């Protein structure tokens, strides 16, 4: 049995599972692929062998304000 920590990525408002039982390398690849679509990477249960990673698809206010200034 592997003792490598696993991660499940969950969309904050709908609780849709985007990636399940993934390694850190898979989480990093997911984030690299979708970093413009999802925001606010937040880990829960970090001390457990299986952590939940919460993301949102809503632009945080700070980034939204920065985008408005650029327009």
PDB file of N, CA and C in Angstrom:
ATOM      1  N   UNK A   1       0.852  -1.180   0.000  1.00  0.00           N
ATOM      2  CA  UNK A   1       0.000   0.000   0.000  1.00  0.00           C
ATOM      3  C   UNK A   1       0.897   1.243   0.000  1.00  0.00           C
ATOM      4  N   UNK A   2       0.588   2.161  -0.857  1.00  0.00           N
ATOM      5  CA  UNK A   2       1.376   3.385  -0.969  1.00  0.00           C
ATOM      6  C   UNK A   2       1.019   4.350   0.156  1.00  0.00           C
ATOM      7  N   UNK A   3       2.028   5.034   0.661  1.00  0.00           N
ATOM      8  CA  UNK A   3       1.762   6.019   1.709  1.00  0.00           C
ATOM      9  C   UNK A   3       1.868   7.434   1.150  1.00  0.00           C
ATOM     10  N   UNK A   4       1.875   7.554  -0.196  1.00  0.00           N
ATOM     11  CA  UNK A   4       1.921   8.858  -0.828  1.00  0.00           C
ATOM     12  C   UNK A   4       0.607   9.597  -0.571  1.00  0.00           C
ATOM     13  N   UNK A   5       0.719  10.869  -0.252  1.00  0.00           N
ATOM     14  CA  UNK A   5      -0.463  11.685   0.016  1.00  0.00           C
ATOM     15  C   UNK A   5      -1.249  11.880  -1.282  1.00  0.00           C
ATOM     16  N   UNK A   6      -2.564  11.815  -1.182  1.00  0.00           N
ATOM     17  CA  UNK A   6      -3.442  12.002  -2.331  1.00  0.00           C
ATOM     18  C   UNK A   6      -4.298  13.245  -2.134  1.00  0.00           C
ATOM     19  N   UNK A   7      -4.767  13.793  -3.251  1.00  0.00           N
ATOM     20  CA  UNK A   7      -5.538  15.041  -3.239  1.00  0.00           C
ATOM     21  C   UNK A   7      -6.756  14.893  -4.131  1.00  0.00           C
ATOM     22  N   UNK A   8      -7.859  15.488  -3.701  1.00  0.00           N
ATOM     23  CA  UNK A   8      -9.057  15.573  -4.523  1.00  0.00           C
ATOM     24  C   UNK A   8      -9.376  17.045  -4.705  1.00  0.00           C
ATOM     25  N   UNK A   9      -9.522  17.468  -5.963  1.00  0.00           N
ATOM     26  CA  UNK A   9      -9.843  18.867  -6.260  1.00  0.00           C
ATOM     27  C   UNK A   9     -11.356  18.977  -6.429  1.00  0.00           C
ATOM     28  N   UNK A  10     -11.945  19.926  -5.683  1.00  0.00           N
ATOM     29  CA  UNK A  10     -13.398  20.100  -5.647  1.00  0.00           C
ATOM     30  C   UNK A  10     -13.737  21.549  -5.987  1.00  0.00           C
ATOM     31  N   UNK A  11     -14.750  21.743  -6.831  1.00  0.00           N
ATOM     32  CA  UNK A  11     -15.237  23.077  -7.171  1.00  0.00           C
ATOM     33  C   UNK A  11     -16.084  23.591  -6.015  1.00  0.00           C
ATOM     34  N   UNK A  12     -15.747  24.768  -5.506  1.00  0.00           N
ATOM     35  CA  UNK A  12     -16.293  25.284  -4.254  1.00  0.00           C
ATOM     36  C   UNK A  12     -17.816  25.303  -4.164  1.00  0.00           C
ATOM     37  N   UNK A  13     -18.505  25.898  -5.097  1.00  0.00           N
ATOM     38  CA  UNK A  13     -19.946  26.118  -4.931  1.00  0.00           C
ATOM     39  C   UNK A  13     -20.803  24.894  -5.267  1.00  0.00           C
ATOM     40  N   UNK A  14     -20.390  24.109  -6.247  1.00  0.00           N
ATOM     41  CA  UNK A  14     -21.196  22.947  -6.638  1.00  0.00           C
ATOM     42  C   UNK A  14     -20.709  21.646  -6.007  1.00  0.00           C
ATOM     43  N   UNK A  15     -19.509  21.668  -5.418  1.00  0.00           N
ATOM     44  CA  UNK A  15     -18.852  20.489  -4.853  1.00  0.00           C
ATOM     45  C   UNK A  15     -18.577  19.418  -5.909  1.00  0.00           C
ATOM     46  N   UNK A  16     -18.528  19.840  -7.183  1.00  0.00           N
ATOM     47  CA  UNK A  16     -18.173  18.930  -8.267  1.00  0.00           C
ATOM     48  C   UNK A  16     -16.712  18.513  -8.110  1.00  0.00           C
ATOM     49  N   UNK A  17     -16.453  17.226  -8.215  1.00  0.00           N
ATOM     50  CA  UNK A  17     -15.093  16.708  -8.124  1.00  0.00           C
ATOM     51  C   UNK A  17     -14.440  16.869  -9.494  1.00  0.00           C
ATOM     52  N   UNK A  18     -13.345  17.631  -9.535  1.00  0.00           N
ATOM     53  CA  UNK A  18     -12.642  17.881 -10.785  1.00  0.00           C
ATOM     54  C   UNK A  18     -11.483  16.921 -11.004  1.00  0.00           C
ATOM     55  N   UNK A  19     -10.905  16.450  -9.912  1.00  0.00           N
ATOM     56  CA  UNK A  19      -9.792  15.500  -9.967  1.00  0.00           C
ATOM     57  C   UNK A  19      -9.812  14.719  -8.663  1.00  0.00           C
ATOM     58  N   UNK A  20      -9.800  13.388  -8.762  1.00  0.00           N
ATOM     59  CA  UNK A  20      -9.961  12.575  -7.549  1.00  0.00           C
ATOM     60  C   UNK A  20      -8.748  11.695  -7.292  1.00  0.00           C
ATOM     61  N   UNK A  21      -8.353  11.601  -6.028  1.00  0.00           N
ATOM     62  CA  UNK A  21      -7.264  10.727  -5.583  1.00  0.00           C
ATOM     63  C   UNK A  21      -6.011  10.903  -6.441  1.00  0.00           C
ATOM     64  N   UNK A  22      -5.591  12.141  -6.591  1.00  0.00           N
ATOM     65  CA  UNK A  22      -4.451  12.476  -7.435  1.00  0.00           C
ATOM     66  C   UNK A  22      -3.183  12.684  -6.609  1.00  0.00           C
ATOM     67  N   UNK A  23      -2.057  12.486  -7.248  1.00  0.00           N
ATOM     68  CA  UNK A  23      -0.783  12.780  -6.612  1.00  0.00           C
ATOM     69  C   UNK A  23      -0.519  14.287  -6.715  1.00  0.00           C
ATOM     70  N   UNK A  24       0.476  14.770  -6.005  1.00  0.00           N
ATOM     71  CA  UNK A  24       0.819  16.186  -6.081  1.00  0.00           C
ATOM     72  C   UNK A  24       1.224  16.565  -7.505  1.00  0.00           C
ATOM     73  N   UNK A  25       1.899  15.672  -8.196  1.00  0.00           N
ATOM     74  CA  UNK A  25       2.295  15.942  -9.582  1.00  0.00           C
ATOM     75  C   UNK A  25       1.061  16.122 -10.471  1.00  0.00           C
ATOM     76  N   UNK A  26       0.032  15.321 -10.250  1.00  0.00           N
ATOM     77  CA  UNK A  26      -1.203  15.440 -11.021  1.00  0.00           C
ATOM     78  C   UNK A  26      -1.939  16.740 -10.679  1.00  0.00           C
ATOM     79  N   UNK A  27      -1.911  17.129  -9.406  1.00  0.00           N
ATOM     80  CA  UNK A  27      -2.525  18.399  -8.992  1.00  0.00           C
ATOM     81  C   UNK A  27      -1.799  19.557  -9.663  1.00  0.00           C
ATOM     82  N   UNK A  28      -0.483  19.526  -9.673  1.00  0.00           N
ATOM     83  CA  UNK A  28       0.295  20.587 -10.313  1.00  0.00           C
ATOM     84  C   UNK A  28       0.001  20.650 -11.807  1.00  0.00           C
ATOM     85  N   UNK A  29      -0.108  19.502 -12.469  1.00  0.00           N
ATOM     86  CA  UNK A  29      -0.429  19.469 -13.897  1.00  0.00           C
ATOM     87  C   UNK A  29      -1.832  20.019 -14.154  1.00  0.00           C
ATOM     88  N   UNK A  30      -2.780  19.658 -13.287  1.00  0.00           N
ATOM     89  CA  UNK A  30      -4.141  20.189 -13.402  1.00  0.00           C
ATOM     90  C   UNK A  30      -4.121  21.704 -13.285  1.00  0.00           C
ATOM     91  N   UNK A  31      -3.407  22.206 -12.276  1.00  0.00           N
ATOM     92  CA  UNK A  31      -3.362  23.646 -12.041  1.00  0.00           C
ATOM     93  C   UNK A  31      -2.706  24.358 -13.219  1.00  0.00           C
ATOM     94  N   UNK A  32      -1.635  23.791 -13.756  1.00  0.00           N
ATOM     95  CA  UNK A  32      -0.981  24.389 -14.932  1.00  0.00           C
ATOM     96  C   UNK A  32      -1.923  24.444 -16.127  1.00  0.00           C
ATOM     97  N   UNK A  33      -2.734  23.417 -16.287  1.00  0.00           N
ATOM     98  CA  UNK A  33      -3.655  23.352 -17.421  1.00  0.00           C
ATOM     99  C   UNK A  33      -4.865  24.267 -17.266  1.00  0.00           C
ATOM    100  N   UNK A  34      -5.297  24.515 -16.029  1.00  0.00           N
ATOM    101  CA  UNK A  34      -6.543  25.254 -15.801  1.00  0.00           C
ATOM    102  C   UNK A  34      -6.381  26.508 -14.951  1.00  0.00           C
ATOM    103  N   UNK A  35      -5.174  27.057 -14.856  1.00  0.00           N
ATOM    104  CA  UNK A  35      -4.965  28.198 -13.956  1.00  0.00           C
ATOM    105  C   UNK A  35      -5.681  29.469 -14.390  1.00  0.00           C
ATOM    106  N   UNK A  36      -6.168  29.538 -15.625  1.00  0.00           N
ATOM    107  CA  UNK A  36      -6.949  30.709 -16.037  1.00  0.00           C
ATOM    108  C   UNK A  36      -8.441  30.475 -15.842  1.00  0.00           C
ATOM    109  N   UNK A  37      -8.836  29.244 -15.587  1.00  0.00           N
ATOM    110  CA  UNK A  37     -10.256  28.913 -15.404  1.00  0.00           C
ATOM    111  C   UNK A  37     -10.662  28.858 -13.935  1.00  0.00           C
ATOM    112  N   UNK A  38      -9.743  28.374 -13.076  1.00  0.00           N
ATOM    113  CA  UNK A  38     -10.043  28.218 -11.655  1.00  0.00           C
ATOM    114  C   UNK A  38      -9.144  29.111 -10.816  1.00  0.00           C
ATOM    115  N   UNK A  39      -9.642  29.504  -9.652  1.00  0.00           N
ATOM    116  CA  UNK A  39      -8.940  30.431  -8.771  1.00  0.00           C
ATOM    117  C   UNK A  39      -8.988  29.904  -7.339  1.00  0.00           C
ATOM    118  N   UNK A  40      -8.181  30.493  -6.484  1.00  0.00           N
ATOM    119  CA  UNK A  40      -8.277  30.281  -5.045  1.00  0.00           C
ATOM    120  C   UNK A  40      -7.959  28.896  -4.562  1.00  0.00           C
ATOM    121  N   UNK A  41      -6.911  28.314  -5.044  1.00  0.00           N
ATOM    122  CA  UNK A  41      -6.483  26.993  -4.594  1.00  0.00           C
ATOM    123  C   UNK A  41      -6.319  27.002  -3.073  1.00  0.00           C
ATOM    124  N   UNK A  42      -7.137  26.198  -2.372  1.00  0.00           N
ATOM    125  CA  UNK A  42      -7.120  26.171  -0.901  1.00  0.00           C
ATOM    126  C   UNK A  42      -7.205  24.720  -0.430  1.00  0.00           C
ATOM    127  N   UNK A  43      -6.262  24.322   0.397  1.00  0.00           N
ATOM    128  CA  UNK A  43      -6.241  22.939   0.881  1.00  0.00           C
ATOM    129  C   UNK A  43      -6.930  22.811   2.221  1.00  0.00           C
ATOM    130  N   UNK A  44      -7.663  21.714   2.368  1.00  0.00           N
ATOM    131  CA  UNK A  44      -8.285  21.350   3.637  1.00  0.00           C
ATOM    132  C   UNK A  44      -7.771  19.976   4.024  1.00  0.00           C
ATOM    133  N   UNK A  45      -7.735  19.705   5.316  1.00  0.00           N
ATOM    134  CA  UNK A  45      -7.292  18.406   5.821  1.00  0.00           C
ATOM    135  C   UNK A  45      -5.861  18.109   5.387  1.00  0.00           C
ATOM    136  N   UNK A  46      -5.001  19.135   5.448  1.00  0.00           N
ATOM    137  CA  UNK A  46      -3.619  18.993   4.996  1.00  0.00           C
ATOM    138  C   UNK A  46      -2.840  17.936   5.768  1.00  0.00           C
ATOM    139  N   UNK A  47      -3.181  17.682   7.016  1.00  0.00           N
ATOM    140  CA  UNK A  47      -2.428  16.742   7.843  1.00  0.00           C
ATOM    141  C   UNK A  47      -2.866  15.297   7.647  1.00  0.00           C
ATOM    142  N   UNK A  48      -3.873  15.076   6.868  1.00  0.00           N
ATOM    143  CA  UNK A  48      -4.380  13.738   6.604  1.00  0.00           C
ATOM    144  C   UNK A  48      -3.614  13.122   5.423  1.00  0.00           C
ATOM    145  N   UNK A  49      -3.821  11.832   5.160  1.00  0.00           N
ATOM    146  CA  UNK A  49      -3.179  11.191   4.003  1.00  0.00           C
ATOM    147  C   UNK A  49      -3.919  11.495   2.710  1.00  0.00           C
ATOM    148  N   UNK A  50      -5.104  12.094   2.811  1.00  0.00           N
ATOM    149  CA  UNK A  50      -5.893  12.469   1.632  1.00  0.00           C
ATOM    150  C   UNK A  50      -6.455  13.869   1.879  1.00  0.00           C
ATOM    151  N   UNK A  51      -5.946  14.852   1.159  1.00  0.00           N
ATOM    152  CA  UNK A  51      -6.371  16.240   1.358  1.00  0.00           C
ATOM    153  C   UNK A  51      -7.373  16.645   0.286  1.00  0.00           C
ATOM    154  N   UNK A  52      -8.254  17.546   0.660  1.00  0.00           N
ATOM    155  CA  UNK A  52      -9.208  18.112  -0.287  1.00  0.00           C
ATOM    156  C   UNK A  52      -8.715  19.494  -0.691  1.00  0.00           C
ATOM    157  N   UNK A  53      -8.720  19.765  -1.984  1.00  0.00           N
ATOM    158  CA  UNK A  53      -8.282  21.047  -2.523  1.00  0.00           C
ATOM    159  C   UNK A  53      -9.520  21.733  -3.107  1.00  0.00           C
ATOM    160  N   UNK A  54      -9.825  22.924  -2.585  1.00  0.00           N
ATOM    161  CA  UNK A  54     -11.006  23.661  -3.013  1.00  0.00           C
ATOM    162  C   UNK A  54     -10.576  24.730  -4.015  1.00  0.00           C
ATOM    163  N   UNK A  55     -11.279  24.807  -5.146  1.00  0.00           N
ATOM    164  CA  UNK A  55     -11.054  25.868  -6.124  1.00  0.00           C
ATOM    165  C   UNK A  55     -12.400  26.499  -6.458  1.00  0.00           C
ATOM    166  N   UNK A  56     -12.351  27.667  -7.067  1.00  0.00           N
ATOM    167  CA  UNK A  56     -13.575  28.323  -7.504  1.00  0.00           C
ATOM    168  C   UNK A  56     -13.421  28.750  -8.948  1.00  0.00           C
ATOM    169  N   UNK A  57     -14.535  28.910  -9.640  1.00  0.00           N
ATOM    170  CA  UNK A  57     -14.482  29.411 -11.011  1.00  0.00           C
ATOM    171  C   UNK A  57     -14.932  30.866 -11.082  1.00  0.00           C
ATOM    172  N   UNK A  58     -15.098  31.484  -9.911  1.00  0.00           N
ATOM    173  CA  UNK A  58     -15.456  32.904  -9.848  1.00  0.00           C
ATOM    174  C   UNK A  58     -14.197  33.728  -9.635  1.00  0.00           C
ATOM    175  N   UNK A  59     -14.031  34.773 -10.435  1.00  0.00           N
ATOM    176  CA  UNK A  59     -12.848  35.622 -10.323  1.00  0.00           C
ATOM    177  C   UNK A  59     -12.878  36.362  -8.994  1.00  0.00           C
ATOM    178  N   UNK A  60     -11.791  36.264  -8.206  1.00  0.00           N
ATOM    179  CA  UNK A  60     -11.717  37.012  -6.948  1.00  0.00           C
ATOM    180  C   UNK A  60     -11.797  38.516  -7.210  1.00  0.00           C
ATOM    181  N   UNK A  61     -12.372  39.264  -6.277  1.00  0.00           N
ATOM    182  CA  UNK A  61     -12.562  40.705  -6.456  1.00  0.00           C
ATOM    183  C   UNK A  61     -11.275  41.437  -6.781  1.00  0.00           C
ATOM    184  N   UNK A  62     -10.153  41.065  -6.125  1.00  0.00           N
ATOM    185  CA  UNK A  62      -8.886  41.757  -6.367  1.00  0.00           C
ATOM    186  C   UNK A  62      -8.459  41.616  -7.824  1.00  0.00           C
ATOM    187  N   UNK A  63      -8.597  40.407  -8.384  1.00  0.00           N
ATOM    188  CA  UNK A  63      -8.193  40.185  -9.773  1.00  0.00           C
ATOM    189  C   UNK A  63      -9.170  40.858 -10.738  1.00  0.00           C
ATOM    190  N   UNK A  64     -10.445  40.877 -10.381  1.00  0.00           N
ATOM    191  CA  UNK A  64     -11.439  41.534 -11.217  1.00  0.00           C
ATOM    192  C   UNK A  64     -11.167  43.031 -11.298  1.00  0.00           C
ATOM    193  N   UNK A  65     -10.824  43.646 -10.157  1.00  0.00           N
ATOM    194  CA  UNK A  65     -10.505  45.075 -10.114  1.00  0.00           C
ATOM    195  C   UNK A  65      -9.248  45.362 -10.915  1.00  0.00           C
ATOM    196  N   UNK A  66      -8.264  44.490 -10.842  1.00  0.00           N
ATOM    197  CA  UNK A  66      -7.020  44.674 -11.603  1.00  0.00           C
ATOM    198  C   UNK A  66      -7.299  44.609 -13.099  1.00  0.00           C
ATOM    199  N   UNK A  67      -8.171  43.689 -13.522  1.00  0.00           N
ATOM    200  CA  UNK A  67      -8.528  43.586 -14.931  1.00  0.00           C
ATOM    201  C   UNK A  67      -9.243  44.839 -15.411  1.00  0.00           C
ATOM    202  N   UNK A  68     -10.118  45.409 -14.583  1.00  0.00           N
ATOM    203  CA  UNK A  68     -10.809  46.636 -14.959  1.00  0.00           C
ATOM    204  C   UNK A  68      -9.849  47.785 -15.162  1.00  0.00           C
ATOM    205  N   UNK A  69      -8.809  47.847 -14.352  1.00  0.00           N
ATOM    206  CA  UNK A  69      -7.803  48.917 -14.471  1.00  0.00           C
ATOM    207  C   UNK A  69      -7.003  48.790 -15.749  1.00  0.00           C
ATOM    208  N   UNK A  70      -6.856  47.577 -16.261  1.00  0.00           N
ATOM    209  CA  UNK A  70      -6.079  47.340 -17.479  1.00  0.00           C
ATOM    210  C   UNK A  70      -6.867  47.676 -18.736  1.00  0.00           C
ATOM    211  N   UNK A  71      -8.174  47.647 -18.643  1.00  0.00           N
ATOM    212  CA  UNK A  71      -9.009  47.918 -19.824  1.00  0.00           C
ATOM    213  C   UNK A  71      -9.007  49.363 -20.216  1.00  0.00           C
TER     214      UNK A  71
END
